[in-house]
Amino acid sequence: MRLGRILSHLAPEQPEVHGLVALMELQASRFGVRTGSEGEPILLLDQNRTQWDYVLIRHGLEALAKAEVLGKLGTYTLQAQIAACHARARSADQTDWVRIAALHTALGQPMPRPVVELGKV
């Protein structure tokens, strides 16, 4: 993340640089609650969202806003938008699943992968 932040200062007009930083910040915000005490994975829907790192979420959302203002949305920015949908929802029930499916459809254009298609369901 530190290198991404440095790159964002060196290339401030590149939307995908900010998209990458946003994606890293948003994903890192959940590191502490992705696994249980025995190392077992905790699914996103089962994570305690009050334990997410909201400073990292704020930084990620700020980087995402920069990317969106700068223009063309690439794969990093689209993935960051998906992560932002989760980060903005205070519970799984409040998640904007329709938007997430639409973002996966958009992501499938430049990045046709089975895992992207799986995200739509």
N, C-alpha and C. Protein backbone atom coordinates (compact mmCIF):
# COMPACT_ATOMS: atom_id res chain seq x y z
N MET A 1 0.83 -1.19 0.00
CA MET A 1 0.00 0.00 0.00
C MET A 1 0.88 1.25 0.00
N ARG A 2 1.99 1.17 0.72
CA ARG A 2 2.88 2.33 0.76
C ARG A 2 3.38 2.66 -0.64
N LEU A 3 3.76 1.64 -1.40
CA LEU A 3 4.24 1.88 -2.76
C LEU A 3 3.12 2.43 -3.65
N GLY A 4 1.92 1.95 -3.45
CA GLY A 4 0.78 2.48 -4.20
C GLY A 4 0.55 3.95 -3.89
N ARG A 5 0.65 4.31 -2.64
CA ARG A 5 0.48 5.72 -2.26
C ARG A 5 1.57 6.59 -2.87
N ILE A 6 2.80 6.08 -2.87
CA ILE A 6 3.90 6.82 -3.50
C ILE A 6 3.62 6.99 -4.99
N LEU A 7 3.21 5.92 -5.64
CA LEU A 7 2.91 5.98 -7.07
C LEU A 7 1.78 6.98 -7.36
N SER A 8 0.81 7.06 -6.47
CA SER A 8 -0.30 8.01 -6.68
C SER A 8 0.18 9.46 -6.63
N HIS A 9 1.26 9.71 -5.90
CA HIS A 9 1.84 11.06 -5.86
C HIS A 9 2.70 11.32 -7.10
N LEU A 10 3.31 10.24 -7.63
CA LEU A 10 4.15 10.39 -8.82
C LEU A 10 3.34 10.46 -10.10
N ALA A 11 2.16 9.83 -10.10
CA ALA A 11 1.30 9.81 -11.29
C ALA A 11 -0.13 10.19 -10.90
N PRO A 12 -0.32 11.42 -10.41
CA PRO A 12 -1.62 11.82 -9.86
C PRO A 12 -2.76 11.90 -10.87
N GLU A 13 -2.44 11.91 -12.15
CA GLU A 13 -3.49 12.02 -13.18
C GLU A 13 -3.89 10.67 -13.76
N GLN A 14 -3.35 9.59 -13.21
CA GLN A 14 -3.65 8.25 -13.71
C GLN A 14 -4.76 7.60 -12.86
N PRO A 15 -5.95 7.47 -13.41
CA PRO A 15 -7.06 6.95 -12.61
C PRO A 15 -6.82 5.55 -12.06
N GLU A 16 -6.16 4.70 -12.84
CA GLU A 16 -5.96 3.32 -12.37
C GLU A 16 -4.98 3.25 -11.20
N VAL A 17 -4.09 4.20 -11.09
CA VAL A 17 -3.20 4.23 -9.92
C VAL A 17 -4.05 4.45 -8.67
N HIS A 18 -4.96 5.41 -8.74
CA HIS A 18 -5.84 5.67 -7.60
C HIS A 18 -6.80 4.50 -7.38
N GLY A 19 -7.23 3.88 -8.46
CA GLY A 19 -8.09 2.70 -8.34
C GLY A 19 -7.39 1.57 -7.63
N LEU A 20 -6.12 1.36 -7.96
CA LEU A 20 -5.33 0.31 -7.30
C LEU A 20 -5.15 0.62 -5.82
N VAL A 21 -4.83 1.87 -5.49
CA VAL A 21 -4.67 2.25 -4.09
C VAL A 21 -5.99 2.04 -3.34
N ALA A 22 -7.09 2.45 -3.96
CA ALA A 22 -8.41 2.26 -3.35
C ALA A 22 -8.67 0.79 -3.08
N LEU A 23 -8.41 -0.05 -4.07
CA LEU A 23 -8.64 -1.48 -3.92
C LEU A 23 -7.81 -2.05 -2.78
N MET A 24 -6.54 -1.68 -2.72
CA MET A 24 -5.68 -2.20 -1.65
C MET A 24 -6.14 -1.72 -0.28
N GLU A 25 -6.49 -0.45 -0.16
CA GLU A 25 -6.93 0.09 1.13
C GLU A 25 -8.22 -0.58 1.58
N LEU A 26 -9.17 -0.71 0.66
CA LEU A 26 -10.47 -1.30 1.03
C LEU A 26 -10.32 -2.77 1.40
N GLN A 27 -9.51 -3.50 0.67
CA GLN A 27 -9.32 -4.92 1.00
C GLN A 27 -8.55 -5.07 2.32
N ALA A 28 -7.57 -4.22 2.53
CA ALA A 28 -6.78 -4.30 3.76
C ALA A 28 -7.61 -3.97 4.99
N SER A 29 -8.68 -3.21 4.82
CA SER A 29 -9.51 -2.81 5.96
C SER A 29 -10.15 -4.01 6.66
N ARG A 30 -10.20 -5.14 5.97
CA ARG A 30 -10.84 -6.33 6.54
C ARG A 30 -9.85 -7.41 6.97
N PHE A 31 -8.56 -7.16 6.82
CA PHE A 31 -7.57 -8.20 7.13
C PHE A 31 -7.73 -8.78 8.52
N GLY A 32 -7.99 -7.96 9.50
CA GLY A 32 -8.05 -8.43 10.88
C GLY A 32 -9.22 -9.34 11.21
N VAL A 33 -10.22 -9.38 10.36
CA VAL A 33 -11.41 -10.20 10.67
C VAL A 33 -11.68 -11.26 9.61
N ARG A 34 -10.74 -11.48 8.72
CA ARG A 34 -10.93 -12.48 7.66
C ARG A 34 -10.71 -13.91 8.14
N THR A 35 -10.03 -14.06 9.28
CA THR A 35 -9.79 -15.40 9.81
C THR A 35 -10.13 -15.45 11.29
N GLY A 36 -10.52 -16.63 11.73
CA GLY A 36 -10.85 -16.83 13.13
C GLY A 36 -9.62 -17.16 13.96
N SER A 37 -9.85 -17.48 15.21
CA SER A 37 -8.74 -17.73 16.14
C SER A 37 -7.90 -18.95 15.76
N GLU A 38 -8.50 -19.88 15.03
CA GLU A 38 -7.78 -21.09 14.60
C GLU A 38 -7.27 -20.96 13.17
N GLY A 39 -7.39 -19.77 12.59
CA GLY A 39 -6.93 -19.55 11.22
C GLY A 39 -7.95 -19.88 10.15
N GLU A 40 -9.15 -20.27 10.58
CA GLU A 40 -10.19 -20.62 9.61
C GLU A 40 -10.73 -19.35 8.94
N PRO A 41 -11.06 -19.43 7.65
CA PRO A 41 -11.57 -18.25 6.96
C PRO A 41 -12.96 -17.86 7.47
N ILE A 42 -13.20 -16.57 7.57
CA ILE A 42 -14.52 -16.05 7.92
C ILE A 42 -15.06 -15.37 6.67
N LEU A 43 -16.17 -15.86 6.16
CA LEU A 43 -16.76 -15.30 4.95
C LEU A 43 -17.13 -13.84 5.16
N LEU A 44 -17.11 -13.08 4.09
CA LEU A 44 -17.44 -11.66 4.14
C LEU A 44 -18.77 -11.42 4.82
N LEU A 45 -19.76 -12.20 4.50
CA LEU A 45 -21.10 -12.01 5.08
C LEU A 45 -21.13 -12.28 6.58
N ASP A 46 -20.16 -13.04 7.08
CA ASP A 46 -20.12 -13.40 8.49
C ASP A 46 -19.14 -12.55 9.31
N GLN A 47 -18.43 -11.65 8.65
CA GLN A 47 -17.44 -10.84 9.35
C GLN A 47 -18.12 -9.79 10.23
N ASN A 48 -17.49 -9.50 11.34
CA ASN A 48 -17.96 -8.46 12.25
C ASN A 48 -17.51 -7.11 11.68
N ARG A 49 -18.43 -6.43 11.03
CA ARG A 49 -18.08 -5.19 10.33
C ARG A 49 -17.67 -4.06 11.28
N THR A 50 -18.02 -4.17 12.55
CA THR A 50 -17.58 -3.14 13.49
C THR A 50 -16.07 -3.23 13.73
N GLN A 51 -15.47 -4.35 13.37
CA GLN A 51 -14.04 -4.54 13.56
C GLN A 51 -13.23 -4.22 12.30
N TRP A 52 -13.89 -3.81 11.23
CA TRP A 52 -13.16 -3.38 10.04
C TRP A 52 -12.42 -2.09 10.37
N ASP A 53 -11.37 -1.82 9.65
CA ASP A 53 -10.57 -0.62 9.87
C ASP A 53 -11.17 0.52 9.05
N TYR A 54 -11.92 1.39 9.73
CA TYR A 54 -12.63 2.46 9.02
C TYR A 54 -11.73 3.60 8.58
N VAL A 55 -10.52 3.69 9.12
CA VAL A 55 -9.56 4.66 8.61
C VAL A 55 -9.11 4.22 7.21
N LEU A 56 -8.81 2.93 7.07
CA LEU A 56 -8.43 2.42 5.75
C LEU A 56 -9.60 2.53 4.77
N ILE A 57 -10.80 2.30 5.25
CA ILE A 57 -11.97 2.44 4.37
C ILE A 57 -12.08 3.88 3.89
N ARG A 58 -11.93 4.83 4.79
CA ARG A 58 -12.00 6.23 4.40
C ARG A 58 -10.93 6.58 3.37
N HIS A 59 -9.71 6.11 3.59
CA HIS A 59 -8.63 6.35 2.63
C HIS A 59 -8.95 5.70 1.29
N GLY A 60 -9.47 4.49 1.33
CA GLY A 60 -9.83 3.80 0.10
C GLY A 60 -10.93 4.51 -0.68
N LEU A 61 -11.94 4.99 0.03
CA LEU A 61 -13.02 5.71 -0.62
C LEU A 61 -12.53 7.04 -1.21
N GLU A 62 -11.59 7.69 -0.54
CA GLU A 62 -11.01 8.93 -1.07
C GLU A 62 -10.23 8.66 -2.35
N ALA A 63 -9.44 7.59 -2.36
CA ALA A 63 -8.67 7.23 -3.56
C ALA A 63 -9.62 6.84 -4.69
N LEU A 64 -10.69 6.13 -4.36
CA LEU A 64 -11.68 5.76 -5.37
C LEU A 64 -12.34 6.99 -5.98
N ALA A 65 -12.66 7.96 -5.15
CA ALA A 65 -13.27 9.19 -5.65
C ALA A 65 -12.33 9.90 -6.63
N LYS A 66 -11.04 9.90 -6.34
CA LYS A 66 -10.06 10.51 -7.25
C LYS A 66 -10.06 9.76 -8.58
N ALA A 67 -10.05 8.44 -8.52
CA ALA A 67 -10.04 7.64 -9.74
C ALA A 67 -11.28 7.91 -10.59
N GLU A 68 -12.42 7.99 -9.94
CA GLU A 68 -13.68 8.20 -10.67
C GLU A 68 -13.72 9.58 -11.33
N VAL A 69 -13.17 10.59 -10.67
CA VAL A 69 -13.15 11.94 -11.23
C VAL A 69 -12.23 12.02 -12.45
N LEU A 70 -11.15 11.25 -12.41
CA LEU A 70 -10.16 11.33 -13.48
C LEU A 70 -10.60 10.69 -14.79
N GLY A 71 -11.60 9.85 -14.76
CA GLY A 71 -12.07 9.34 -16.05
C GLY A 71 -12.22 7.85 -16.14
N LYS A 72 -11.77 7.32 -17.27
CA LYS A 72 -11.99 5.92 -17.66
C LYS A 72 -11.73 4.95 -16.51
N LEU A 73 -12.72 4.09 -16.29
CA LEU A 73 -12.61 3.13 -15.20
C LEU A 73 -11.99 1.83 -15.72
N GLY A 74 -10.85 1.50 -15.17
CA GLY A 74 -10.19 0.25 -15.52
C GLY A 74 -10.52 -0.84 -14.51
N THR A 75 -9.83 -1.94 -14.62
CA THR A 75 -10.15 -3.11 -13.79
C THR A 75 -9.91 -2.87 -12.29
N TYR A 76 -8.85 -2.13 -11.96
CA TYR A 76 -8.62 -1.86 -10.53
C TYR A 76 -9.73 -1.00 -9.94
N THR A 77 -10.13 0.01 -10.70
CA THR A 77 -11.17 0.91 -10.21
C THR A 77 -12.50 0.18 -10.10
N LEU A 78 -12.82 -0.66 -11.07
CA LEU A 78 -14.06 -1.44 -10.99
C LEU A 78 -14.04 -2.38 -9.79
N GLN A 79 -12.92 -3.03 -9.54
CA GLN A 79 -12.81 -3.91 -8.37
C GLN A 79 -12.91 -3.10 -7.08
N ALA A 80 -12.34 -1.92 -7.08
CA ALA A 80 -12.44 -1.05 -5.90
C ALA A 80 -13.88 -0.62 -5.68
N GLN A 81 -14.63 -0.37 -6.75
CA GLN A 81 -16.04 -0.01 -6.60
C GLN A 81 -16.83 -1.15 -5.98
N ILE A 82 -16.50 -2.38 -6.34
CA ILE A 82 -17.16 -3.54 -5.73
C ILE A 82 -16.83 -3.59 -4.24
N ALA A 83 -15.54 -3.45 -3.92
CA ALA A 83 -15.13 -3.46 -2.51
C ALA A 83 -15.79 -2.32 -1.74
N ALA A 84 -15.96 -1.17 -2.40
CA ALA A 84 -16.59 -0.01 -1.75
C ALA A 84 -18.06 -0.29 -1.42
N CYS A 85 -18.73 -1.03 -2.27
CA CYS A 85 -20.12 -1.39 -1.97
C CYS A 85 -20.20 -2.16 -0.66
N HIS A 86 -19.28 -3.07 -0.47
CA HIS A 86 -19.24 -3.83 0.79
C HIS A 86 -18.85 -2.93 1.95
N ALA A 87 -17.86 -2.07 1.73
CA ALA A 87 -17.36 -1.21 2.81
C ALA A 87 -18.39 -0.20 3.28
N ARG A 88 -19.23 0.26 2.38
CA ARG A 88 -20.24 1.26 2.74
C ARG A 88 -21.43 0.65 3.47
N ALA A 89 -21.65 -0.63 3.30
CA ALA A 89 -22.79 -1.30 3.93
C ALA A 89 -22.44 -1.67 5.38
N ARG A 90 -23.27 -1.25 6.30
CA ARG A 90 -23.03 -1.55 7.72
C ARG A 90 -23.41 -2.98 8.07
N SER A 91 -24.13 -3.66 7.16
CA SER A 91 -24.47 -5.07 7.35
C SER A 91 -24.60 -5.71 5.98
N ALA A 92 -24.58 -7.03 5.95
CA ALA A 92 -24.73 -7.73 4.68
C ALA A 92 -26.08 -7.40 4.04
N ASP A 93 -27.10 -7.21 4.86
CA ASP A 93 -28.44 -6.89 4.35
C ASP A 93 -28.49 -5.53 3.67
N GLN A 94 -27.60 -4.62 4.05
CA GLN A 94 -27.59 -3.28 3.48
C GLN A 94 -26.71 -3.17 2.23
N THR A 95 -26.09 -4.26 1.84
CA THR A 95 -25.21 -4.28 0.68
C THR A 95 -26.02 -4.09 -0.60
N ASP A 96 -25.51 -3.26 -1.50
CA ASP A 96 -26.17 -3.00 -2.78
C ASP A 96 -25.78 -4.10 -3.78
N TRP A 97 -26.48 -5.22 -3.67
CA TRP A 97 -26.15 -6.40 -4.49
C TRP A 97 -26.43 -6.16 -5.97
N VAL A 98 -27.42 -5.35 -6.28
CA VAL A 98 -27.73 -5.05 -7.68
C VAL A 98 -26.54 -4.31 -8.31
N ARG A 99 -26.01 -3.33 -7.59
CA ARG A 99 -24.84 -2.59 -8.10
C ARG A 99 -23.63 -3.50 -8.22
N ILE A 100 -23.44 -4.37 -7.26
CA ILE A 100 -22.30 -5.30 -7.32
C ILE A 100 -22.41 -6.20 -8.55
N ALA A 101 -23.60 -6.69 -8.84
CA ALA A 101 -23.78 -7.52 -10.03
C ALA A 101 -23.48 -6.72 -11.30
N ALA A 102 -23.94 -5.47 -11.34
CA ALA A 102 -23.69 -4.61 -12.51
C ALA A 102 -22.19 -4.33 -12.66
N LEU A 103 -21.50 -4.12 -11.55
CA LEU A 103 -20.06 -3.87 -11.60
C LEU A 103 -19.31 -5.11 -12.08
N HIS A 104 -19.76 -6.29 -11.66
CA HIS A 104 -19.15 -7.53 -12.15
C HIS A 104 -19.37 -7.68 -13.66
N THR A 105 -20.53 -7.28 -14.13
CA THR A 105 -20.79 -7.31 -15.57
C THR A 105 -19.83 -6.38 -16.30
N ALA A 106 -19.65 -5.17 -15.77
CA ALA A 106 -18.72 -4.21 -16.37
C ALA A 106 -17.29 -4.73 -16.31
N LEU A 107 -16.92 -5.36 -15.21
CA LEU A 107 -15.58 -5.91 -15.04
C LEU A 107 -15.34 -7.07 -16.00
N GLY A 108 -16.39 -7.79 -16.34
CA GLY A 108 -16.27 -8.92 -17.25
C GLY A 108 -15.92 -8.53 -18.68
N GLN A 109 -16.12 -7.27 -19.04
CA GLN A 109 -15.78 -6.82 -20.38
C GLN A 109 -14.26 -6.81 -20.60
N PRO A 110 -13.51 -6.08 -19.81
CA PRO A 110 -12.06 -6.07 -20.03
C PRO A 110 -11.35 -7.29 -19.41
N MET A 111 -12.04 -7.99 -18.52
CA MET A 111 -11.41 -9.07 -17.76
C MET A 111 -12.34 -10.28 -17.70
N PRO A 112 -12.58 -10.94 -18.83
CA PRO A 112 -13.50 -12.09 -18.82
C PRO A 112 -12.87 -13.30 -18.12
N ARG A 113 -13.27 -13.52 -16.90
CA ARG A 113 -12.74 -14.62 -16.09
C ARG A 113 -13.91 -15.30 -15.39
N PRO A 114 -13.81 -16.61 -15.15
CA PRO A 114 -14.89 -17.31 -14.44
C PRO A 114 -15.20 -16.71 -13.08
N VAL A 115 -14.18 -16.26 -12.35
CA VAL A 115 -14.41 -15.70 -11.02
C VAL A 115 -15.21 -14.40 -11.11
N VAL A 116 -15.03 -13.64 -12.19
CA VAL A 116 -15.81 -12.42 -12.38
C VAL A 116 -17.27 -12.78 -12.64
N GLU A 117 -17.49 -13.78 -13.47
CA GLU A 117 -18.86 -14.24 -13.74
C GLU A 117 -19.52 -14.76 -12.46
N LEU A 118 -18.76 -15.45 -11.64
CA LEU A 118 -19.29 -15.98 -10.39
C LEU A 118 -19.76 -14.86 -9.47
N GLY A 119 -19.10 -13.72 -9.51
CA GLY A 119 -19.47 -12.59 -8.69
C GLY A 119 -20.83 -12.00 -9.02
N LYS A 120 -21.35 -12.31 -10.20
CA LYS A 120 -22.66 -11.77 -10.60
C LYS A 120 -23.81 -12.53 -9.96
N VAL A 121 -23.55 -13.73 -9.48
CA VAL A 121 -24.66 -14.52 -8.91
C VAL A 121 -24.73 -14.41 -7.42
